[in-house]
Amino acid sequence: MTITIREGGPDDIPAILGMLDSSVEWLVSQGRTGQWGTKPLSENPRVAESVAGFMEQGTTYLAEIDGVPAATLTLTDAPGAYLSHLPSPGEPERYIHWLASDRRFKGQGAGAALLAHAAEVTRRAGVRLLRVDCYAGGDRRLVAYYEANGFTPTQAYTTGENDWPGQVLARRV
């Protein structure tokens, strides 16, 4: 098994939406519907718009396992507008959006490889702060995943009409 990381572009949006749908299907099979609900995210036009919008603002990376897209994330200079109510970190940062993986590749290290790549790209750019936010409800397994990859929780928040619980995490690079 070989993991390679490449830059993505608009032609990769269908594969990225497929990874998001795979994640939703897996979460539903685990009884964990609080994060993204029960319907494929590809059916929500706002999701495709968000993926494309962050792609335009930054750089999308795909981890491929033996040439097959297995995971993705997009790296920009700021969090999404939904976090505008939180205080700024007061320094330049890189921000991770839409980390997702095709669950067929679960446990093979594609997500961790992308997070390590994002940290290295951030460091090479002379930026010392890498941040991400995620769903923090239920068993907080996603928060624990980021912690296992070198991130530290910094700010909890809620958003949306259902008070969706989120967590911002940071990593010094």
Protein backbone atom coordinates (compact mmCIF):
# COMPACT_ATOMS: atom_id res chain seq x y z
CA MET A 1 0.00 0.00 0.00
CA THR A 2 1.33 3.41 -1.02
CA ILE A 3 -0.17 6.73 0.11
CA THR A 4 0.51 9.69 -2.18
CA ILE A 5 -0.77 13.21 -1.70
CA ARG A 6 -1.65 15.49 -4.57
CA GLU A 7 -3.37 18.82 -5.05
CA GLY A 8 -7.01 18.63 -6.03
CA GLY A 9 -9.20 20.78 -8.19
CA PRO A 10 -12.79 21.25 -9.33
CA ASP A 11 -12.71 17.93 -11.22
CA ASP A 12 -12.27 16.21 -7.85
CA ILE A 13 -15.52 17.55 -6.35
CA PRO A 14 -17.51 14.39 -7.26
CA ALA A 15 -14.88 12.20 -5.55
CA ILE A 16 -14.88 14.50 -2.50
CA LEU A 17 -18.68 14.37 -2.28
CA GLY A 18 -18.41 10.60 -2.54
CA MET A 19 -16.04 10.57 0.43
CA LEU A 20 -18.47 12.72 2.41
CA ASP A 21 -21.34 10.37 1.51
CA SER A 22 -19.21 7.39 2.54
CA SER A 23 -18.57 9.07 5.90
CA VAL A 24 -22.28 9.74 6.45
CA GLU A 25 -23.15 6.14 5.59
CA TRP A 26 -20.53 4.90 8.04
CA LEU A 27 -21.67 7.28 10.80
CA VAL A 28 -25.30 6.16 10.30
CA SER A 29 -24.21 2.50 10.52
CA GLN A 30 -22.63 3.37 13.89
CA GLY A 31 -25.80 5.09 15.11
CA ARG A 32 -23.93 8.40 15.15
CA THR A 33 -26.24 10.74 13.22
CA GLY A 34 -25.63 13.97 15.15
CA GLN A 35 -22.67 15.10 13.05
CA TRP A 36 -24.00 15.11 9.48
CA GLY A 37 -27.46 13.56 9.72
CA THR A 38 -28.67 10.55 7.77
CA LYS A 39 -28.88 11.71 4.14
CA PRO A 40 -25.99 11.75 1.64
CA LEU A 41 -24.31 15.16 1.74
CA SER A 42 -24.08 15.12 -2.05
CA GLU A 43 -27.86 15.65 -2.10
CA ASN A 44 -27.44 19.02 -0.34
CA PRO A 45 -26.43 21.72 -2.87
CA ARG A 46 -24.99 23.88 -0.04
CA VAL A 47 -22.40 21.19 0.70
CA ALA A 48 -21.10 21.15 -2.89
CA GLU A 49 -21.05 24.97 -2.83
CA SER A 50 -19.09 24.92 0.44
CA VAL A 51 -16.56 22.39 -0.86
CA ALA A 52 -16.08 24.43 -4.06
CA GLY A 53 -15.95 27.72 -2.15
CA PHE A 54 -13.20 26.61 0.21
CA MET A 55 -11.37 25.07 -2.76
CA GLU A 56 -11.37 28.53 -4.42
CA GLN A 57 -10.04 30.16 -1.22
CA GLY A 58 -7.24 27.71 -0.58
CA THR A 59 -5.68 24.45 -1.68
CA THR A 60 -7.38 21.06 -1.68
CA TYR A 61 -5.31 17.93 -1.14
CA LEU A 62 -6.23 14.33 -1.80
CA ALA A 63 -4.52 11.31 -0.33
CA GLU A 64 -4.56 8.40 -2.73
CA ILE A 65 -3.94 4.80 -1.77
CA ASP A 66 -2.50 2.89 -4.67
CA GLY A 67 -3.83 5.60 -7.01
CA VAL A 68 -7.41 5.67 -5.62
CA PRO A 69 -8.66 8.84 -3.85
CA ALA A 70 -9.03 7.86 -0.20
CA ALA A 71 -9.18 11.10 1.81
CA THR A 72 -9.31 14.85 1.33
CA LEU A 73 -8.99 18.18 3.08
CA THR A 74 -8.81 21.82 2.04
CA LEU A 75 -6.38 24.28 3.60
CA THR A 76 -7.21 28.02 3.70
CA ASP A 77 -6.07 31.09 5.62
CA ALA A 78 -9.15 31.35 7.87
CA PRO A 79 -12.08 29.45 9.35
CA GLY A 80 -15.52 29.52 7.77
CA ALA A 81 -17.93 32.41 8.36
CA TYR A 82 -19.92 30.21 10.77
CA LEU A 83 -17.09 30.78 13.29
CA SER A 84 -16.97 34.57 12.87
CA HIS A 85 -18.38 34.97 16.39
CA LEU A 86 -15.25 33.41 17.92
CA PRO A 87 -12.19 35.49 18.77
CA SER A 88 -9.41 35.57 16.19
CA PRO A 89 -6.21 33.78 17.17
CA GLY A 90 -4.33 37.06 16.66
CA GLU A 91 -1.74 35.59 14.29
CA PRO A 92 -1.58 34.13 10.79
CA GLU A 93 -3.00 30.65 10.52
CA ARG A 94 -3.91 27.88 8.13
CA TYR A 95 -7.32 26.30 8.58
CA ILE A 96 -8.47 22.80 7.63
CA HIS A 97 -11.89 22.32 6.03
CA TRP A 98 -13.82 19.25 4.93
CA LEU A 99 -11.46 16.50 6.10
CA ALA A 100 -13.17 13.31 4.99
CA SER A 101 -12.23 9.84 3.90
CA ASP A 102 -13.70 7.06 1.87
CA ARG A 103 -14.52 4.60 4.64
CA ARG A 104 -13.34 1.69 2.47
CA PHE A 105 -9.86 2.91 3.46
CA LYS A 106 -10.62 3.31 7.20
CA GLY A 107 -7.58 2.72 9.36
CA GLN A 108 -5.05 2.86 6.53
CA GLY A 109 -3.61 6.25 7.51
CA ALA A 110 -4.84 8.47 4.68
CA GLY A 111 -6.41 11.05 7.02
CA ALA A 112 -3.36 11.16 9.28
CA ALA A 113 -1.10 11.53 6.22
CA LEU A 114 -3.17 14.51 5.06
CA LEU A 115 -3.02 16.12 8.50
CA ALA A 116 0.76 15.68 8.58
CA HIS A 117 0.98 17.13 5.06
CA ALA A 118 -1.16 20.14 6.09
CA ALA A 119 1.16 20.74 9.06
CA GLU A 120 4.23 20.59 6.80
CA VAL A 121 2.71 22.91 4.16
CA THR A 122 1.77 25.35 6.92
CA ARG A 123 5.26 25.24 8.45
CA ARG A 124 6.93 25.74 5.03
CA ALA A 125 4.72 28.80 4.47
CA GLY A 126 6.19 30.32 7.64
CA VAL A 127 2.89 30.02 9.50
CA ARG A 128 3.04 28.48 12.96
CA LEU A 129 -0.65 27.86 13.69
CA LEU A 130 -2.80 25.15 12.10
CA ARG A 131 -6.43 24.95 13.19
CA VAL A 132 -9.48 22.82 12.49
CA ASP A 133 -12.98 22.50 13.87
CA CYS A 134 -15.15 19.44 14.17
CA TYR A 135 -18.26 17.88 15.63
CA ALA A 136 -17.84 17.52 19.38
CA GLY A 137 -21.09 15.81 20.31
CA GLY A 138 -21.79 12.26 21.30
CA ASP A 139 -18.68 10.36 22.30
CA ARG A 140 -16.23 13.07 21.11
CA ARG A 141 -14.38 10.45 19.04
CA LEU A 142 -13.65 13.00 16.32
CA VAL A 143 -12.08 15.38 18.84
CA ALA A 144 -9.98 12.46 20.13
CA TYR A 145 -8.88 11.69 16.54
CA TYR A 146 -7.54 15.22 16.10
CA GLU A 147 -5.87 15.07 19.52
CA ALA A 148 -4.14 11.84 18.47
CA ASN A 149 -2.84 13.77 15.44
CA GLY A 150 -1.24 16.54 17.50
CA PHE A 151 -4.10 19.01 17.94
CA THR A 152 -5.26 20.54 21.23
CA PRO A 153 -8.86 21.67 21.88
CA THR A 154 -9.08 25.45 22.22
CA GLN A 155 -12.65 26.75 21.83
CA ALA A 156 -15.98 24.98 22.09
CA TYR A 157 -18.91 26.47 20.20
CA THR A 158 -22.45 25.73 19.06
CA THR A 159 -23.97 26.63 15.74
CA GLY A 160 -27.24 26.25 13.89
CA GLU A 161 -30.78 25.95 15.05
CA ASN A 162 -30.07 22.66 16.83
CA ASP A 163 -27.08 24.00 18.77
CA TRP A 164 -24.72 21.64 16.91
CA PRO A 165 -21.75 21.15 19.29
CA GLY A 166 -18.39 21.99 17.76
CA GLN A 167 -14.79 22.16 18.89
CA VAL A 168 -11.93 24.24 17.48
CA LEU A 169 -8.54 22.59 17.82
CA ALA A 170 -5.06 23.99 17.19
CA ARG A 171 -1.64 22.60 16.45
CA ARG A 172 1.66 24.46 16.58
CA VAL A 173 3.89 23.61 13.63
